[in-house]
Amino acid sequence: MADPAHGKVKHHAANQIAVREDEIGAYLERDFLLRMRGERDGQFNLISAVEIVRED
């Protein structure tokens, strides 16, 4: 997870925090960004809550 309080350097590895799967929702509600690896190119991206599509 990336803390938006770190501004332009929130994407740096040193500014990332690890969370359990059951904690992700709470962090997204606080405007943290989720670090995810792309399926096609393997590139890591920061994803906001509004970019996540839920398939229930």
C-alpha atoms as a PDB file:
ATOM      1  CA  MET A   1       0.000   0.000   0.000  1.00  0.00           C
ATOM      2  CA  ALA A   2       1.182   3.531  -0.709  1.00  0.00           C
ATOM      3  CA  ASP A   3       0.435   6.357   1.700  1.00  0.00           C
ATOM      4  CA  PRO A   4      -0.728   9.490  -0.178  1.00  0.00           C
ATOM      5  CA  ALA A   5       0.921  11.601   2.542  1.00  0.00           C
ATOM      6  CA  HIS A   6       4.258  10.852   0.828  1.00  0.00           C
ATOM      7  CA  GLY A   7       3.211  12.888  -2.213  1.00  0.00           C
ATOM      8  CA  LYS A   8       5.379  12.457  -5.307  1.00  0.00           C
ATOM      9  CA  VAL A   9       7.550   9.780  -3.690  1.00  0.00           C
ATOM     10  CA  LYS A  10       4.719   7.531  -2.474  1.00  0.00           C
ATOM     11  CA  HIS A  11       5.601   5.021  -5.195  1.00  0.00           C
ATOM     12  CA  HIS A  12       9.123   4.438  -3.816  1.00  0.00           C
ATOM     13  CA  ALA A  13       9.618   1.023  -2.234  1.00  0.00           C
ATOM     14  CA  ALA A  14      10.795   2.581   1.028  1.00  0.00           C
ATOM     15  CA  ASN A  15       7.402   4.299   1.377  1.00  0.00           C
ATOM     16  CA  GLN A  16       5.311   1.157   0.849  1.00  0.00           C
ATOM     17  CA  ILE A  17       3.654  -0.734   3.668  1.00  0.00           C
ATOM     18  CA  ALA A  18       2.661  -4.384   3.675  1.00  0.00           C
ATOM     19  CA  VAL A  19      -0.861  -5.250   4.796  1.00  0.00           C
ATOM     20  CA  ARG A  20      -2.874  -8.437   5.089  1.00  0.00           C
ATOM     21  CA  GLU A  21      -5.589  -9.118   2.529  1.00  0.00           C
ATOM     22  CA  ASP A  22      -8.311  -8.439   5.087  1.00  0.00           C
ATOM     23  CA  GLU A  23      -6.862  -4.946   5.756  1.00  0.00           C
ATOM     24  CA  ILE A  24      -6.814  -3.692   2.147  1.00  0.00           C
ATOM     25  CA  GLY A  25     -10.372  -2.299   2.166  1.00  0.00           C
ATOM     26  CA  ALA A  26      -9.755  -0.151   5.238  1.00  0.00           C
ATOM     27  CA  TYR A  27      -6.619   1.357   3.711  1.00  0.00           C
ATOM     28  CA  LEU A  28      -8.379   2.036   0.393  1.00  0.00           C
ATOM     29  CA  GLU A  29     -11.107   3.891   2.311  1.00  0.00           C
ATOM     30  CA  ARG A  30      -8.345   6.125   3.729  1.00  0.00           C
ATOM     31  CA  ASP A  31      -7.182   6.958   0.155  1.00  0.00           C
ATOM     32  CA  PHE A  32      -4.115   4.711   0.217  1.00  0.00           C
ATOM     33  CA  LEU A  33      -3.156   3.194  -3.127  1.00  0.00           C
ATOM     34  CA  LEU A  34      -2.824  -0.536  -3.763  1.00  0.00           C
ATOM     35  CA  ARG A  35       0.379  -1.687  -5.456  1.00  0.00           C
ATOM     36  CA  MET A  36      -0.461  -4.321  -8.068  1.00  0.00           C
ATOM     37  CA  ARG A  37       1.470  -6.108 -10.793  1.00  0.00           C
ATOM     38  CA  GLY A  38      -0.007  -5.894 -14.291  1.00  0.00           C
ATOM     39  CA  GLU A  39      -1.043  -9.176 -15.917  1.00  0.00           C
ATOM     40  CA  ARG A  40       0.320  -8.410 -19.368  1.00  0.00           C
ATOM     41  CA  ASP A  41       3.586  -6.603 -18.755  1.00  0.00           C
ATOM     42  CA  GLY A  42       4.363  -7.405 -15.123  1.00  0.00           C
ATOM     43  CA  GLN A  43       4.817  -3.715 -14.330  1.00  0.00           C
ATOM     44  CA  PHE A  44       3.844  -2.546 -10.846  1.00  0.00           C
ATOM     45  CA  ASN A  45       1.181   0.147 -10.676  1.00  0.00           C
ATOM     46  CA  LEU A  46      -0.514   2.055  -7.886  1.00  0.00           C
ATOM     47  CA  ILE A  47      -4.277   1.565  -8.054  1.00  0.00           C
ATOM     48  CA  SER A  48      -6.840   3.759  -6.304  1.00  0.00           C
ATOM     49  CA  ALA A  49     -10.133   2.493  -4.906  1.00  0.00           C
ATOM     50  CA  VAL A  50     -12.127   3.973  -7.802  1.00  0.00           C
ATOM     51  CA  GLU A  51     -10.051   1.960 -10.296  1.00  0.00           C
ATOM     52  CA  ILE A  52     -10.866  -1.400  -8.721  1.00  0.00           C
ATOM     53  CA  VAL A  53     -13.647  -3.417 -10.303  1.00  0.00           C
ATOM     54  CA  ARG A  54     -15.297  -5.909  -7.996  1.00  0.00           C
ATOM     55  CA  GLU A  55     -16.563  -9.180  -9.391  1.00  0.00           C
ATOM     56  CA  ASP A  56     -18.832 -10.727  -6.765  1.00  0.00           C
END
